[in-house]
PDB file of N, CA and C in Angstrom:
ATOM      1  N   MET A   1      -1.240  -2.898  -8.642  1.00  0.00           N
ATOM      2  CA  MET A   1      -1.806  -3.112  -8.575  1.00  0.00           C
ATOM      3  C   MET A   1      -3.527  -4.225  -7.375  1.00  0.00           C
ATOM      4  N   LEU A   2      -3.712  -5.023  -8.560  1.00  0.00           N
ATOM      5  CA  LEU A   2      -4.631  -6.012  -8.113  1.00  0.00           C
ATOM      6  C   LEU A   2      -3.658  -7.335  -6.462  1.00  0.00           C
ATOM      7  N   GLY A   3      -2.235  -7.422  -6.460  1.00  0.00           N
ATOM      8  CA  GLY A   3      -2.208  -8.099  -5.820  1.00  0.00           C
ATOM      9  C   GLY A   3      -1.922  -7.464  -4.801  1.00  0.00           C
ATOM     10  N   PRO A   4      -2.168  -6.705  -4.365  1.00  0.00           N
ATOM     11  CA  PRO A   4      -2.063  -5.971  -2.933  1.00  0.00           C
ATOM     12  C   PRO A   4      -2.987  -6.037  -2.510  1.00  0.00           C
ATOM     13  N   ILE A   5      -3.555  -5.120  -3.050  1.00  0.00           N
ATOM     14  CA  ILE A   5      -4.915  -5.078  -2.514  1.00  0.00           C
ATOM     15  C   ILE A   5      -5.567  -6.554  -1.819  1.00  0.00           C
ATOM     16  N   ARG A   6      -5.428  -8.126  -2.968  1.00  0.00           N
ATOM     17  CA  ARG A   6      -5.812  -8.422  -2.637  1.00  0.00           C
ATOM     18  C   ARG A   6      -5.160  -9.738  -1.567  1.00  0.00           C
ATOM     19  N   LEU A   7      -4.239  -9.500  -1.749  1.00  0.00           N
ATOM     20  CA  LEU A   7      -2.929 -10.602  -0.648  1.00  0.00           C
ATOM     21  C   LEU A   7      -3.686  -9.228   0.252  1.00  0.00           C
ATOM     22  N   THR A   8      -4.089  -7.708   0.369  1.00  0.00           N
ATOM     23  CA  THR A   8      -4.327  -6.773   2.138  1.00  0.00           C
ATOM     24  C   THR A   8      -5.245  -8.053   2.118  1.00  0.00           C
ATOM     25  N   ASN A   9      -6.495  -8.211   1.561  1.00  0.00           N
ATOM     26  CA  ASN A   9      -8.022  -8.340   1.342  1.00  0.00           C
ATOM     27  C   ASN A   9      -7.627  -9.489   3.089  1.00  0.00           C
ATOM     28  N   ALA A  10      -7.221 -11.148   1.827  1.00  0.00           N
ATOM     29  CA  ALA A  10      -6.641 -12.413   2.243  1.00  0.00           C
ATOM     30  C   ALA A  10      -6.295 -12.718   3.981  1.00  0.00           C
ATOM     31  N   LEU A  11      -5.533 -10.839   4.141  1.00  0.00           N
ATOM     32  CA  LEU A  11      -4.556 -10.362   5.432  1.00  0.00           C
ATOM     33  C   LEU A  11      -5.660 -10.217   5.994  1.00  0.00           C
ATOM     34  N   ILE A  12      -6.630  -9.808   5.888  1.00  0.00           N
ATOM     35  CA  ILE A  12      -6.471  -8.763   6.629  1.00  0.00           C
ATOM     36  C   ILE A  12      -7.297  -8.824   7.894  1.00  0.00           C
ATOM     37  N   ASP A  13      -8.189 -10.277   8.616  1.00  0.00           N
ATOM     38  CA  ASP A  13      -9.246 -10.610   9.239  1.00  0.00           C
ATOM     39  C   ASP A  13      -7.774 -11.410  10.393  1.00  0.00           C
ATOM     40  N   HIS A  14      -6.793 -12.141  10.035  1.00  0.00           N
ATOM     41  CA  HIS A  14      -5.520 -12.085  10.241  1.00  0.00           C
ATOM     42  C   HIS A  14      -5.127 -11.158  11.220  1.00  0.00           C
ATOM     43  N   LEU A  15      -4.485 -10.813  10.381  1.00  0.00           N
ATOM     44  CA  LEU A  15      -2.995 -10.064  10.780  1.00  0.00           C
ATOM     45  C   LEU A  15      -4.063  -8.847  11.857  1.00  0.00           C
ATOM     46  N   ILE A  16      -5.032  -8.582  12.012  1.00  0.00           N
ATOM     47  CA  ILE A  16      -6.321  -7.607  12.500  1.00  0.00           C
ATOM     48  C   ILE A  16      -5.783  -8.146  14.019  1.00  0.00           C
ATOM     49  N   SER A  17      -6.046  -9.803  14.143  1.00  0.00           N
ATOM     50  CA  SER A  17      -5.731 -10.333  14.992  1.00  0.00           C
ATOM     51  C   SER A  17      -4.673 -10.222  16.531  1.00  0.00           C
ATOM     52  N   GLN A  18      -3.190  -9.966  14.976  1.00  0.00           N
ATOM     53  CA  GLN A  18      -2.175  -9.900  16.010  1.00  0.00           C
ATOM     54  C   GLN A  18      -1.524  -9.065  15.894  1.00  0.00           C
ATOM     55  N   PRO A  19      -1.274  -9.453  17.690  1.00  0.00           N
ATOM     56  CA  PRO A  19      -0.653  -8.008  18.468  1.00  0.00           C
ATOM     57  C   PRO A  19       1.059  -7.210  17.421  1.00  0.00           C
ATOM     58  N   ASP A  20       1.088  -6.053  17.522  1.00  0.00           N
ATOM     59  CA  ASP A  20       2.346  -5.326  16.286  1.00  0.00           C
ATOM     60  C   ASP A  20       2.196  -6.085  14.599  1.00  0.00           C
ATOM     61  N   ALA A  21       0.623  -5.779  13.913  1.00  0.00           N
ATOM     62  CA  ALA A  21       0.933  -6.564  12.864  1.00  0.00           C
ATOM     63  C   ALA A  21       1.020  -5.131  11.346  1.00  0.00           C
ATOM     64  N   VAL A  22       2.089  -4.658  10.842  1.00  0.00           N
ATOM     65  CA  VAL A  22       2.314  -4.417  10.255  1.00  0.00           C
ATOM     66  C   VAL A  22       1.966  -4.946   8.302  1.00  0.00           C
ATOM     67  N   ILE A  23       1.667  -4.178   7.705  1.00  0.00           N
ATOM     68  CA  ILE A  23       1.624  -4.145   6.297  1.00  0.00           C
ATOM     69  C   ILE A  23       2.962  -2.917   5.814  1.00  0.00           C
ATOM     70  N   VAL A  24       3.751  -3.352   4.558  1.00  0.00           N
ATOM     71  CA  VAL A  24       4.432  -2.378   4.247  1.00  0.00           C
ATOM     72  C   VAL A  24       4.408  -2.899   2.876  1.00  0.00           C
ATOM     73  N   ASN A  25       3.908  -1.486   1.932  1.00  0.00           N
ATOM     74  CA  ASN A  25       4.549  -1.568   0.728  1.00  0.00           C
ATOM     75  C   ASN A  25       4.920  -1.305   0.086  1.00  0.00           C
ATOM     76  N   VAL A  26       5.265  -1.766  -1.076  1.00  0.00           N
ATOM     77  CA  VAL A  26       6.911  -0.317  -1.215  1.00  0.00           C
ATOM     78  C   VAL A  26       5.688   0.790  -2.843  1.00  0.00           C
ATOM     79  N   SER A  27       6.598   1.172  -2.778  1.00  0.00           N
ATOM     80  CA  SER A  27       6.350   2.604  -3.948  1.00  0.00           C
ATOM     81  C   SER A  27       7.592   3.418  -4.299  1.00  0.00           C
ATOM     82  N   SER A  28       6.973   3.420  -5.058  1.00  0.00           N
ATOM     83  CA  SER A  28       8.514   3.956  -6.215  1.00  0.00           C
ATOM     84  C   SER A  28       8.184   6.070  -6.319  1.00  0.00           C
ATOM     85  N   GLY A  29      10.042   6.454  -6.414  1.00  0.00           N
ATOM     86  CA  GLY A  29       9.529   8.563  -6.159  1.00  0.00           C
ATOM     87  C   GLY A  29       8.578   8.684  -8.204  1.00  0.00           C
ATOM     88  N   LEU A  30       8.162   7.615  -8.675  1.00  0.00           N
ATOM     89  CA  LEU A  30       8.006   7.270  -9.840  1.00  0.00           C
ATOM     90  C   LEU A  30       6.700   8.164  -9.787  1.00  0.00           C
ATOM     91  N   ALA A  31       5.503   7.927  -7.732  1.00  0.00           N
ATOM     92  CA  ALA A  31       4.529   7.917  -8.440  1.00  0.00           C
ATOM     93  C   ALA A  31       3.814   9.290  -7.965  1.00  0.00           C
ATOM     94  N   PHE A  32       4.894   9.703  -8.103  1.00  0.00           N
ATOM     95  CA  PHE A  32       5.492  11.433  -6.755  1.00  0.00           C
ATOM     96  C   PHE A  32       5.715  12.502  -8.316  1.00  0.00           C
ATOM     97  N   VAL A  33       6.563  11.888  -9.519  1.00  0.00           N
ATOM     98  CA  VAL A  33       7.771  12.608 -10.512  1.00  0.00           C
ATOM     99  C   VAL A  33       7.740  11.498 -11.708  1.00  0.00           C
ATOM    100  N   PRO A  34       6.270  11.874 -12.457  1.00  0.00           N
ATOM    101  CA  PRO A  34       5.700  10.445 -13.561  1.00  0.00           C
ATOM    102  C   PRO A  34       7.683  10.576 -15.129  1.00  0.00           C
ATOM    103  N   LEU A  35       7.300   9.507 -14.855  1.00  0.00           N
ATOM    104  CA  LEU A  35       8.315   8.956 -15.930  1.00  0.00           C
ATOM    105  C   LEU A  35       7.744   8.641 -17.452  1.00  0.00           C
ATOM    106  N   SER A  36       7.156   9.719 -18.317  1.00  0.00           N
ATOM    107  CA  SER A  36       6.827   9.709 -19.166  1.00  0.00           C
ATOM    108  C   SER A  36       7.051   8.296 -20.128  1.00  0.00           C
ATOM    109  N   ALA A  37       8.110   7.174 -19.573  1.00  0.00           N
ATOM    110  CA  ALA A  37       8.738   6.538 -21.563  1.00  0.00           C
ATOM    111  C   ALA A  37       7.679   4.791 -19.496  1.00  0.00           C
ATOM    112  N   THR A  38       7.757   5.880 -18.870  1.00  0.00           N
ATOM    113  CA  THR A  38       7.172   4.337 -18.163  1.00  0.00           C
ATOM    114  C   THR A  38       5.726   4.708 -17.659  1.00  0.00           C
ATOM    115  N   PRO A  39       4.071   4.970 -18.498  1.00  0.00           N
ATOM    116  CA  PRO A  39       3.727   5.618 -17.895  1.00  0.00           C
ATOM    117  C   PRO A  39       2.669   4.343 -16.446  1.00  0.00           C
ATOM    118  N   THR A  40       2.903   3.787 -17.068  1.00  0.00           N
ATOM    119  CA  THR A  40       1.709   2.055 -16.624  1.00  0.00           C
ATOM    120  C   THR A  40       2.437   2.919 -14.836  1.00  0.00           C
ATOM    121  N   TYR A  41       4.410   2.048 -14.864  1.00  0.00           N
ATOM    122  CA  TYR A  41       4.395   2.002 -14.069  1.00  0.00           C
ATOM    123  C   TYR A  41       5.135   3.448 -12.444  1.00  0.00           C
ATOM    124  N   SER A  42       4.589   4.030 -13.946  1.00  0.00           N
ATOM    125  CA  SER A  42       4.042   5.481 -12.571  1.00  0.00           C
ATOM    126  C   SER A  42       2.489   5.294 -11.924  1.00  0.00           C
ATOM    127  N   ALA A  43       1.587   5.474 -13.260  1.00  0.00           N
ATOM    128  CA  ALA A  43       0.454   5.312 -12.245  1.00  0.00           C
ATOM    129  C   ALA A  43       0.397   4.415 -11.278  1.00  0.00           C
ATOM    130  N   THR A  44       0.411   3.222 -11.596  1.00  0.00           N
ATOM    131  CA  THR A  44       0.257   2.051  -9.978  1.00  0.00           C
ATOM    132  C   THR A  44       0.966   1.924  -9.535  1.00  0.00           C
ATOM    133  N   LYS A  45       2.803   2.880  -9.317  1.00  0.00           N
ATOM    134  CA  LYS A  45       2.368   3.148  -7.647  1.00  0.00           C
ATOM    135  C   LYS A  45       1.916   4.385  -6.806  1.00  0.00           C
ATOM    136  N   ALA A  46       1.218   5.549  -7.841  1.00  0.00           N
ATOM    137  CA  ALA A  46       0.965   5.664  -7.569  1.00  0.00           C
ATOM    138  C   ALA A  46      -0.288   5.800  -6.789  1.00  0.00           C
ATOM    139  N   ALA A  47      -1.131   4.887  -7.943  1.00  0.00           N
ATOM    140  CA  ALA A  47      -2.422   4.180  -7.130  1.00  0.00           C
ATOM    141  C   ALA A  47      -2.248   3.368  -5.837  1.00  0.00           C
ATOM    142  N   LEU A  48      -1.012   2.937  -6.001  1.00  0.00           N
ATOM    143  CA  LEU A  48      -0.483   2.406  -4.194  1.00  0.00           C
ATOM    144  C   LEU A  48      -0.356   2.578  -3.216  1.00  0.00           C
ATOM    145  N   HIS A  49      -0.051   4.104  -3.883  1.00  0.00           N
ATOM    146  CA  HIS A  49       0.997   4.765  -2.548  1.00  0.00           C
ATOM    147  C   HIS A  49      -0.934   5.670  -1.981  1.00  0.00           C
ATOM    148  N   SER A  50      -1.176   5.208  -2.722  1.00  0.00           N
ATOM    149  CA  SER A  50      -2.618   6.644  -2.242  1.00  0.00           C
ATOM    150  C   SER A  50      -3.719   5.648  -1.366  1.00  0.00           C
ATOM    151  N   TYR A  51      -3.462   3.886  -2.084  1.00  0.00           N
ATOM    152  CA  TYR A  51      -4.367   2.619  -1.112  1.00  0.00           C
ATOM    153  C   TYR A  51      -3.707   2.275  -0.361  1.00  0.00           C
ATOM    154  N   SER A  52      -2.937   2.866  -0.429  1.00  0.00           N
ATOM    155  CA  SER A  52      -1.653   2.767   1.613  1.00  0.00           C
ATOM    156  C   SER A  52      -2.013   3.861   2.141  1.00  0.00           C
ATOM    157  N   VAL A  53      -2.566   5.242   2.194  1.00  0.00           N
ATOM    158  CA  VAL A  53      -2.963   6.465   2.507  1.00  0.00           C
ATOM    159  C   VAL A  53      -3.644   5.925   3.035  1.00  0.00           C
ATOM    160  N   SER A  54      -5.131   5.551   2.559  1.00  0.00           N
ATOM    161  CA  SER A  54      -6.384   5.446   3.402  1.00  0.00           C
ATOM    162  C   SER A  54      -6.379   4.159   3.925  1.00  0.00           C
ATOM    163  N   LEU A  55      -5.939   3.152   3.746  1.00  0.00           N
ATOM    164  CA  LEU A  55      -5.632   1.960   4.002  1.00  0.00           C
ATOM    165  C   LEU A  55      -5.120   2.095   5.551  1.00  0.00           C
ATOM    166  N   ARG A  56      -4.080   3.159   5.661  1.00  0.00           N
ATOM    167  CA  ARG A  56      -2.693   3.437   7.324  1.00  0.00           C
ATOM    168  C   ARG A  56      -5.074   4.045   8.092  1.00  0.00           C
ATOM    169  N   GLU A  57      -5.481   4.971   7.400  1.00  0.00           N
ATOM    170  CA  GLU A  57      -6.482   5.192   8.137  1.00  0.00           C
ATOM    171  C   GLU A  57      -7.356   5.030   8.292  1.00  0.00           C
ATOM    172  N   GLN A  58      -7.747   3.744   8.000  1.00  0.00           N
ATOM    173  CA  GLN A  58      -9.298   3.196   7.952  1.00  0.00           C
ATOM    174  C   GLN A  58      -8.531   1.443   9.172  1.00  0.00           C
ATOM    175  N   LEU A  59      -7.161   1.499   8.519  1.00  0.00           N
ATOM    176  CA  LEU A  59      -6.602   0.475  10.056  1.00  0.00           C
ATOM    177  C   LEU A  59      -6.238   0.995  10.641  1.00  0.00           C
ATOM    178  N   LYS A  60      -6.265   2.313  11.611  1.00  0.00           N
ATOM    179  CA  LYS A  60      -5.586   3.210  12.280  1.00  0.00           C
ATOM    180  C   LYS A  60      -6.060   2.370  13.818  1.00  0.00           C
ATOM    181  N   GLY A  61      -5.145   1.936  14.404  1.00  0.00           N
ATOM    182  CA  GLY A  61      -5.146   1.769  16.086  1.00  0.00           C
ATOM    183  C   GLY A  61      -4.948  -0.189  15.561  1.00  0.00           C
ATOM    184  N   LYS A  62      -5.177  -1.084  14.707  1.00  0.00           N
ATOM    185  CA  LYS A  62      -5.368  -1.888  14.951  1.00  0.00           C
ATOM    186  C   LYS A  62      -4.315  -1.864  13.662  1.00  0.00           C
ATOM    187  N   VAL A  63      -3.834  -2.112  12.679  1.00  0.00           N
ATOM    188  CA  VAL A  63      -2.771  -2.150  12.501  1.00  0.00           C
ATOM    189  C   VAL A  63      -1.370  -1.826  11.178  1.00  0.00           C
ATOM    190  N   GLU A  64      -0.080  -0.972  11.366  1.00  0.00           N
ATOM    191  CA  GLU A  64       0.833  -0.359  10.900  1.00  0.00           C
ATOM    192  C   GLU A  64       0.593  -0.439   9.861  1.00  0.00           C
ATOM    193  N   MET A  65       0.489   0.710   8.641  1.00  0.00           N
ATOM    194  CA  MET A  65       0.963   0.727   8.283  1.00  0.00           C
ATOM    195  C   MET A  65       2.044   1.419   7.471  1.00  0.00           C
ATOM    196  N   LEU A  66       2.970   0.666   6.508  1.00  0.00           N
ATOM    197  CA  LEU A  66       4.272   1.277   6.265  1.00  0.00           C
ATOM    198  C   LEU A  66       4.091   1.674   4.689  1.00  0.00           C
ATOM    199  N   ASN A  67       4.765   2.816   3.678  1.00  0.00           N
ATOM    200  CA  ASN A  67       4.335   2.540   2.047  1.00  0.00           C
ATOM    201  C   ASN A  67       5.772   3.240   2.507  1.00  0.00           C
ATOM    202  N   ALA A  68       6.603   2.305   1.702  1.00  0.00           N
ATOM    203  CA  ALA A  68       8.263   2.743   1.147  1.00  0.00           C
ATOM    204  C   ALA A  68       8.414   3.030  -0.009  1.00  0.00           C
ATOM    205  N   LEU A  69       8.858   3.477  -0.460  1.00  0.00           N
ATOM    206  CA  LEU A  69       9.855   4.181  -1.615  1.00  0.00           C
ATOM    207  C   LEU A  69      11.260   3.746  -2.497  1.00  0.00           C
TER     208      LEU A  69
END
């Protein structure tokens, strides 16, 4: 989870200054239907999805935010 957050924070000023900038985070269906055999994976994918949704709202009109499953 720290990787996407830190990378986004490091690049956001640059991305905002670019036309048509896009951030893509790759999540998983396990964010919504967790698998008991992989609880940490499922939890981090859910956290990434939530982060992406929040970031999309925060960056609206500045940087496009995509969350691929």
